[in-house]
C-alpha cells in the first residue's frame, strides 16, 4: 500500500478540483453524508456540485467543510478502507465526546476531528 502523509492528504483536499472531490465523496460515502458535511438543506446540492460544469457553492464555509470532510475521509479510507471510513464518520466517537465526526466536520472543528481520525488510524485511541 502506498504511503500518503497527512500533508499529502491535505494538499490533495485543497488542490483537487471541487467537482471531482465531491464526486469522489458521493461515490464513497453518499450524497446524504456530503450534504450533512456541507451543512446545506438541499439534498440535490451535492449532485449539482459533482457535475463537471456544475455550480460551486457560493459560501466559502461550505467549500471548506466539504474539503475538510474529504481530508478526514481520505485519512481513514487510505489505511482502513472505505467501509470503515464511512462507519467512523457516522458513528459516535469517544474522542469527540461521543459526537458524530460528520457533525464536527460540519462545524469546521478540524483540529478535533482530524486528531480523532489520526488517533484511530495510528491505534492511539485511548482518550
N, C-alpha and C. Protein backbone atom coordinates (compact mmCIF):
# COMPACT_ATOMS: atom_id res chain seq x y z
N UNK A 1 0.84 -1.18 0.00
CA UNK A 1 0.00 0.00 0.00
C UNK A 1 0.88 1.24 0.00
N UNK A 2 0.56 2.17 -0.86
CA UNK A 2 1.28 3.43 -0.97
C UNK A 2 1.11 4.24 0.31
N UNK A 3 2.20 4.81 0.79
CA UNK A 3 2.13 5.65 1.97
C UNK A 3 1.81 7.08 1.56
N UNK A 4 0.84 7.65 2.22
CA UNK A 4 0.46 9.03 1.98
C UNK A 4 0.53 9.75 3.32
N UNK A 5 1.25 10.85 3.33
CA UNK A 5 1.39 11.61 4.58
C UNK A 5 0.15 12.46 4.82
N UNK A 6 -0.06 12.84 6.08
CA UNK A 6 -1.17 13.77 6.35
C UNK A 6 -1.06 15.05 5.52
N UNK A 7 0.17 15.51 5.30
CA UNK A 7 0.36 16.71 4.48
C UNK A 7 -0.05 16.45 3.03
N UNK A 8 0.26 15.24 2.52
CA UNK A 8 -0.14 14.88 1.16
C UNK A 8 -1.65 14.83 1.02
N UNK A 9 -2.32 14.29 2.02
CA UNK A 9 -3.79 14.23 2.01
C UNK A 9 -4.37 15.65 2.07
N UNK A 10 -3.78 16.49 2.90
CA UNK A 10 -4.22 17.88 2.99
C UNK A 10 -4.07 18.58 1.64
N UNK A 11 -2.91 18.41 1.01
CA UNK A 11 -2.69 19.05 -0.29
C UNK A 11 -3.69 18.56 -1.32
N UNK A 12 -3.96 17.25 -1.32
CA UNK A 12 -4.99 16.69 -2.22
C UNK A 12 -6.33 17.38 -1.99
N UNK A 13 -6.71 17.48 -0.73
CA UNK A 13 -8.02 18.06 -0.38
C UNK A 13 -8.12 19.52 -0.81
N UNK A 14 -7.02 20.23 -0.75
CA UNK A 14 -7.05 21.66 -1.07
C UNK A 14 -6.89 21.93 -2.57
N UNK A 15 -6.16 21.06 -3.27
CA UNK A 15 -5.86 21.31 -4.68
C UNK A 15 -6.82 20.63 -5.65
N UNK A 16 -7.47 19.56 -5.21
CA UNK A 16 -8.34 18.81 -6.11
C UNK A 16 -9.49 19.69 -6.60
N UNK A 17 -9.82 19.54 -7.86
CA UNK A 17 -10.98 20.23 -8.42
C UNK A 17 -12.19 19.93 -7.54
N UNK A 18 -12.93 20.96 -7.17
CA UNK A 18 -14.05 20.79 -6.25
C UNK A 18 -15.08 19.79 -6.78
N UNK A 19 -15.39 19.85 -8.07
CA UNK A 19 -16.38 18.94 -8.66
C UNK A 19 -15.91 17.49 -8.53
N UNK A 20 -14.63 17.25 -8.81
CA UNK A 20 -14.07 15.90 -8.71
C UNK A 20 -14.08 15.43 -7.26
N UNK A 21 -13.70 16.29 -6.34
CA UNK A 21 -13.69 15.96 -4.93
C UNK A 21 -15.08 15.53 -4.46
N UNK A 22 -16.10 16.27 -4.85
CA UNK A 22 -17.47 15.92 -4.47
C UNK A 22 -17.87 14.59 -5.09
N UNK A 23 -17.49 14.35 -6.35
CA UNK A 23 -17.80 13.06 -6.99
C UNK A 23 -17.18 11.90 -6.21
N UNK A 24 -15.92 12.06 -5.82
CA UNK A 24 -15.24 11.01 -5.05
C UNK A 24 -15.99 10.76 -3.74
N UNK A 25 -16.36 11.82 -3.06
CA UNK A 25 -17.08 11.65 -1.80
C UNK A 25 -18.44 11.00 -2.01
N UNK A 26 -19.20 11.44 -3.00
CA UNK A 26 -20.51 10.83 -3.26
C UNK A 26 -20.35 9.35 -3.56
N UNK A 27 -19.36 9.00 -4.37
CA UNK A 27 -19.13 7.60 -4.73
C UNK A 27 -18.77 6.74 -3.52
N UNK A 28 -18.19 7.35 -2.50
CA UNK A 28 -17.69 6.58 -1.36
C UNK A 28 -18.51 6.70 -0.09
N UNK A 29 -19.13 7.84 0.15
CA UNK A 29 -19.90 8.00 1.39
C UNK A 29 -21.36 8.33 1.13
N UNK A 30 -21.69 8.70 -0.09
CA UNK A 30 -23.07 9.01 -0.45
C UNK A 30 -23.38 10.50 -0.35
N UNK A 31 -24.36 10.91 -1.12
CA UNK A 31 -24.73 12.32 -1.19
C UNK A 31 -25.28 12.86 0.13
N UNK A 32 -25.98 12.02 0.89
CA UNK A 32 -26.55 12.48 2.16
C UNK A 32 -25.44 12.84 3.14
N UNK A 33 -24.38 12.05 3.18
CA UNK A 33 -23.25 12.36 4.07
C UNK A 33 -22.57 13.65 3.60
N UNK A 34 -22.40 13.80 2.29
CA UNK A 34 -21.80 15.03 1.76
C UNK A 34 -22.67 16.23 2.12
N UNK A 35 -23.97 16.08 1.98
CA UNK A 35 -24.91 17.16 2.34
C UNK A 35 -24.75 17.51 3.82
N UNK A 36 -24.65 16.50 4.67
CA UNK A 36 -24.50 16.73 6.11
C UNK A 36 -23.18 17.42 6.41
N UNK A 37 -22.09 16.93 5.81
CA UNK A 37 -20.79 17.58 5.99
C UNK A 37 -20.86 19.06 5.63
N UNK A 38 -21.48 19.33 4.49
CA UNK A 38 -21.54 20.69 3.96
C UNK A 38 -22.45 21.60 4.76
N UNK A 39 -23.41 21.01 5.46
CA UNK A 39 -24.34 21.81 6.25
C UNK A 39 -25.35 22.55 5.39
N UNK A 40 -25.78 21.90 4.30
CA UNK A 40 -26.78 22.52 3.43
C UNK A 40 -28.09 21.75 3.53
N UNK A 41 -29.19 22.42 3.25
CA UNK A 41 -30.51 21.78 3.36
C UNK A 41 -30.93 21.05 2.10
N UNK A 42 -30.51 21.54 0.96
CA UNK A 42 -30.95 20.99 -0.32
C UNK A 42 -30.25 19.67 -0.60
N UNK A 43 -31.03 18.61 -0.67
CA UNK A 43 -30.48 17.27 -0.89
C UNK A 43 -29.83 17.11 -2.26
N UNK A 44 -30.22 17.95 -3.21
CA UNK A 44 -29.67 17.82 -4.56
C UNK A 44 -28.35 18.56 -4.74
N UNK A 45 -27.99 19.41 -3.80
CA UNK A 45 -26.77 20.21 -3.94
C UNK A 45 -25.53 19.38 -4.24
N UNK A 46 -25.24 18.30 -3.48
CA UNK A 46 -24.04 17.53 -3.80
C UNK A 46 -24.03 16.99 -5.23
N UNK A 47 -25.18 16.57 -5.73
CA UNK A 47 -25.24 16.07 -7.11
C UNK A 47 -24.94 17.20 -8.10
N UNK A 48 -25.44 18.39 -7.81
CA UNK A 48 -25.17 19.53 -8.69
C UNK A 48 -23.69 19.90 -8.66
N UNK A 49 -23.10 19.91 -7.46
CA UNK A 49 -21.68 20.24 -7.34
C UNK A 49 -20.79 19.22 -8.04
N UNK A 50 -21.24 17.97 -8.10
CA UNK A 50 -20.44 16.90 -8.69
C UNK A 50 -20.37 16.96 -10.21
N UNK A 51 -21.28 17.67 -10.82
CA UNK A 51 -21.27 17.79 -12.29
C UNK A 51 -20.04 18.60 -12.71
N UNK A 52 -19.35 18.14 -13.78
CA UNK A 52 -18.15 18.87 -14.23
C UNK A 52 -18.39 20.36 -14.48
N UNK A 53 -19.57 20.70 -14.96
CA UNK A 53 -19.89 22.11 -15.20
C UNK A 53 -20.90 22.64 -14.18
N UNK A 54 -21.01 21.93 -13.07
CA UNK A 54 -21.97 22.32 -12.04
C UNK A 54 -21.53 23.54 -11.26
N UNK A 55 -22.42 24.05 -10.44
CA UNK A 55 -22.10 25.24 -9.65
C UNK A 55 -21.11 24.93 -8.54
N UNK A 56 -20.46 25.96 -8.08
CA UNK A 56 -19.61 25.91 -6.89
C UNK A 56 -20.42 26.61 -5.80
N UNK A 57 -20.46 26.06 -4.58
CA UNK A 57 -21.21 26.74 -3.53
C UNK A 57 -20.76 28.20 -3.38
N UNK A 58 -21.72 29.06 -3.17
CA UNK A 58 -21.42 30.49 -3.05
C UNK A 58 -20.80 30.88 -1.72
N UNK A 59 -20.97 30.04 -0.71
CA UNK A 59 -20.43 30.34 0.62
C UNK A 59 -19.11 29.58 0.81
N UNK A 60 -18.06 30.29 1.14
CA UNK A 60 -16.74 29.67 1.28
C UNK A 60 -16.71 28.63 2.40
N UNK A 61 -17.53 28.82 3.43
CA UNK A 61 -17.51 27.84 4.53
C UNK A 61 -18.06 26.49 4.08
N UNK A 62 -18.96 26.46 3.11
CA UNK A 62 -19.47 25.20 2.58
C UNK A 62 -18.35 24.46 1.86
N UNK A 63 -17.59 25.17 1.05
CA UNK A 63 -16.46 24.56 0.35
C UNK A 63 -15.44 24.05 1.37
N UNK A 64 -15.14 24.84 2.39
CA UNK A 64 -14.18 24.44 3.42
C UNK A 64 -14.64 23.18 4.14
N UNK A 65 -15.92 23.08 4.44
CA UNK A 65 -16.45 21.89 5.12
C UNK A 65 -16.27 20.64 4.25
N UNK A 66 -16.61 20.77 2.98
CA UNK A 66 -16.50 19.61 2.08
C UNK A 66 -15.04 19.20 1.93
N UNK A 67 -14.15 20.16 1.81
CA UNK A 67 -12.72 19.83 1.70
C UNK A 67 -12.21 19.19 2.99
N UNK A 68 -12.64 19.68 4.14
CA UNK A 68 -12.28 19.05 5.42
C UNK A 68 -12.84 17.64 5.48
N UNK A 69 -14.07 17.47 5.05
CA UNK A 69 -14.67 16.13 5.02
C UNK A 69 -13.88 15.16 4.17
N UNK A 70 -13.43 15.63 3.02
CA UNK A 70 -12.61 14.78 2.15
C UNK A 70 -11.31 14.42 2.86
N UNK A 71 -10.69 15.40 3.50
CA UNK A 71 -9.42 15.16 4.19
C UNK A 71 -9.58 14.11 5.29
N UNK A 72 -10.62 14.22 6.08
CA UNK A 72 -10.87 13.25 7.15
C UNK A 72 -11.18 11.88 6.54
N UNK A 73 -12.08 11.85 5.56
CA UNK A 73 -12.44 10.58 4.93
C UNK A 73 -11.22 9.91 4.32
N UNK A 74 -10.40 10.66 3.59
CA UNK A 74 -9.23 10.08 2.91
C UNK A 74 -8.21 9.56 3.92
N UNK A 75 -8.04 10.26 5.03
CA UNK A 75 -7.13 9.80 6.08
C UNK A 75 -7.53 8.40 6.55
N UNK A 76 -8.81 8.21 6.76
CA UNK A 76 -9.33 6.93 7.24
C UNK A 76 -9.36 5.88 6.13
N UNK A 77 -9.84 6.26 4.98
CA UNK A 77 -10.01 5.33 3.87
C UNK A 77 -8.68 4.74 3.44
N UNK A 78 -7.63 5.55 3.45
CA UNK A 78 -6.32 5.09 2.99
C UNK A 78 -5.81 3.91 3.80
N UNK A 79 -6.00 3.93 5.10
CA UNK A 79 -5.45 2.86 5.93
C UNK A 79 -6.48 1.84 6.39
N UNK A 80 -7.75 2.24 6.43
CA UNK A 80 -8.77 1.35 6.99
C UNK A 80 -9.77 0.82 5.97
N UNK A 81 -9.81 1.44 4.79
CA UNK A 81 -10.76 1.02 3.77
C UNK A 81 -12.03 1.86 3.79
N UNK A 82 -12.78 1.83 2.70
CA UNK A 82 -13.94 2.72 2.57
C UNK A 82 -15.08 2.41 3.54
N UNK A 83 -15.32 1.15 3.84
CA UNK A 83 -16.42 0.81 4.74
C UNK A 83 -16.16 1.29 6.16
N UNK A 84 -14.94 1.08 6.63
CA UNK A 84 -14.57 1.54 7.98
C UNK A 84 -14.59 3.06 8.03
N UNK A 85 -14.10 3.70 6.97
CA UNK A 85 -14.09 5.17 6.94
C UNK A 85 -15.51 5.73 7.06
N UNK A 86 -16.44 5.15 6.33
CA UNK A 86 -17.83 5.62 6.39
C UNK A 86 -18.43 5.36 7.78
N UNK A 87 -18.20 4.18 8.32
CA UNK A 87 -18.72 3.86 9.65
C UNK A 87 -18.15 4.82 10.70
N UNK A 88 -16.87 5.13 10.58
CA UNK A 88 -16.24 6.05 11.53
C UNK A 88 -16.86 7.43 11.44
N UNK A 89 -17.08 7.92 10.23
CA UNK A 89 -17.67 9.25 10.05
C UNK A 89 -19.06 9.37 10.67
N UNK A 90 -19.83 8.30 10.62
CA UNK A 90 -21.23 8.34 11.03
C UNK A 90 -21.48 7.81 12.43
N UNK A 91 -20.43 7.30 13.09
CA UNK A 91 -20.62 6.69 14.40
C UNK A 91 -20.22 7.59 15.55
N UNK A 92 -20.82 7.34 16.69
CA UNK A 92 -20.48 8.04 17.92
C UNK A 92 -18.99 7.83 18.21
N UNK A 93 -18.30 8.89 18.62
CA UNK A 93 -16.86 8.80 18.78
C UNK A 93 -16.43 9.26 20.17
N UNK A 94 -15.77 8.38 20.94
CA UNK A 94 -15.37 8.74 22.30
C UNK A 94 -14.37 9.89 22.36
N UNK A 95 -13.55 10.05 21.33
CA UNK A 95 -12.59 11.15 21.32
C UNK A 95 -13.25 12.49 21.01
N UNK A 96 -14.50 12.42 20.60
CA UNK A 96 -15.25 13.64 20.28
C UNK A 96 -16.45 13.76 21.22
N UNK A 97 -16.26 13.35 22.46
CA UNK A 97 -17.34 13.40 23.47
C UNK A 97 -18.59 12.68 22.99
N UNK A 98 -18.39 11.55 22.33
CA UNK A 98 -19.46 10.73 21.76
C UNK A 98 -20.25 11.44 20.67
N UNK A 99 -19.68 12.49 20.11
CA UNK A 99 -20.31 13.18 18.98
C UNK A 99 -20.04 12.46 17.68
N UNK A 100 -20.77 12.85 16.65
CA UNK A 100 -20.58 12.27 15.32
C UNK A 100 -19.51 13.06 14.58
N UNK A 101 -18.49 12.39 14.06
CA UNK A 101 -17.45 13.09 13.32
C UNK A 101 -18.00 13.95 12.17
N UNK A 102 -19.03 13.46 11.49
CA UNK A 102 -19.58 14.22 10.36
C UNK A 102 -20.11 15.58 10.83
N UNK A 103 -20.60 15.66 12.06
CA UNK A 103 -21.08 16.94 12.58
C UNK A 103 -19.93 17.84 13.02
N UNK A 104 -18.82 17.24 13.44
CA UNK A 104 -17.63 18.04 13.74
C UNK A 104 -17.09 18.65 12.45
N UNK A 105 -17.19 17.91 11.35
CA UNK A 105 -16.80 18.45 10.05
C UNK A 105 -17.72 19.62 9.70
N UNK A 106 -19.01 19.43 9.87
CA UNK A 106 -19.98 20.49 9.56
C UNK A 106 -19.68 21.76 10.36
N UNK A 107 -19.25 21.60 11.60
CA UNK A 107 -18.95 22.75 12.46
C UNK A 107 -17.53 23.28 12.23
N UNK A 108 -16.81 22.65 11.30
CA UNK A 108 -15.44 23.02 10.95
C UNK A 108 -14.49 22.93 12.15
N UNK A 109 -14.65 21.88 12.93
CA UNK A 109 -13.77 21.62 14.06
C UNK A 109 -12.66 20.69 13.59
N UNK A 110 -11.85 21.21 12.68
CA UNK A 110 -10.84 20.41 12.00
C UNK A 110 -9.81 19.79 12.91
N UNK A 111 -9.29 20.54 13.84
CA UNK A 111 -8.25 20.01 14.73
C UNK A 111 -8.78 18.81 15.51
N UNK A 112 -9.98 18.92 16.02
CA UNK A 112 -10.56 17.85 16.82
C UNK A 112 -10.83 16.60 15.97
N UNK A 113 -11.50 16.78 14.84
CA UNK A 113 -11.90 15.63 14.04
C UNK A 113 -10.71 14.99 13.34
N UNK A 114 -9.76 15.78 12.88
CA UNK A 114 -8.56 15.20 12.27
C UNK A 114 -7.71 14.50 13.32
N UNK A 115 -7.63 15.06 14.52
CA UNK A 115 -6.91 14.40 15.60
C UNK A 115 -7.51 13.06 15.96
N UNK A 116 -8.84 13.00 16.00
CA UNK A 116 -9.52 11.74 16.28
C UNK A 116 -9.29 10.73 15.16
N UNK A 117 -9.32 11.19 13.92
CA UNK A 117 -9.08 10.29 12.78
C UNK A 117 -7.66 9.75 12.81
N UNK A 118 -6.69 10.62 13.06
CA UNK A 118 -5.29 10.19 13.13
C UNK A 118 -5.08 9.21 14.29
N UNK A 119 -5.71 9.47 15.42
CA UNK A 119 -5.59 8.55 16.57
C UNK A 119 -6.16 7.18 16.22
N UNK A 120 -7.27 7.15 15.51
CA UNK A 120 -7.88 5.89 15.10
C UNK A 120 -6.95 5.14 14.15
N UNK A 121 -6.43 5.84 13.17
CA UNK A 121 -5.55 5.24 12.17
C UNK A 121 -4.28 4.68 12.81
N UNK A 122 -3.73 5.41 13.77
CA UNK A 122 -2.46 5.01 14.38
C UNK A 122 -2.65 4.21 15.66
N UNK A 123 -3.88 3.80 15.92
CA UNK A 123 -4.20 2.94 17.06
C UNK A 123 -3.76 3.56 18.39
N UNK A 124 -3.94 4.86 18.50
CA UNK A 124 -3.66 5.55 19.76
C UNK A 124 -4.97 6.14 20.26
N UNK A 125 -5.98 5.29 20.31
CA UNK A 125 -7.34 5.75 20.51
C UNK A 125 -7.72 5.99 21.96
N UNK A 126 -6.89 5.59 22.89
CA UNK A 126 -7.24 5.83 24.30
C UNK A 126 -7.32 7.32 24.54
N UNK A 127 -8.38 7.74 25.18
CA UNK A 127 -8.59 9.18 25.41
C UNK A 127 -7.60 9.74 26.41
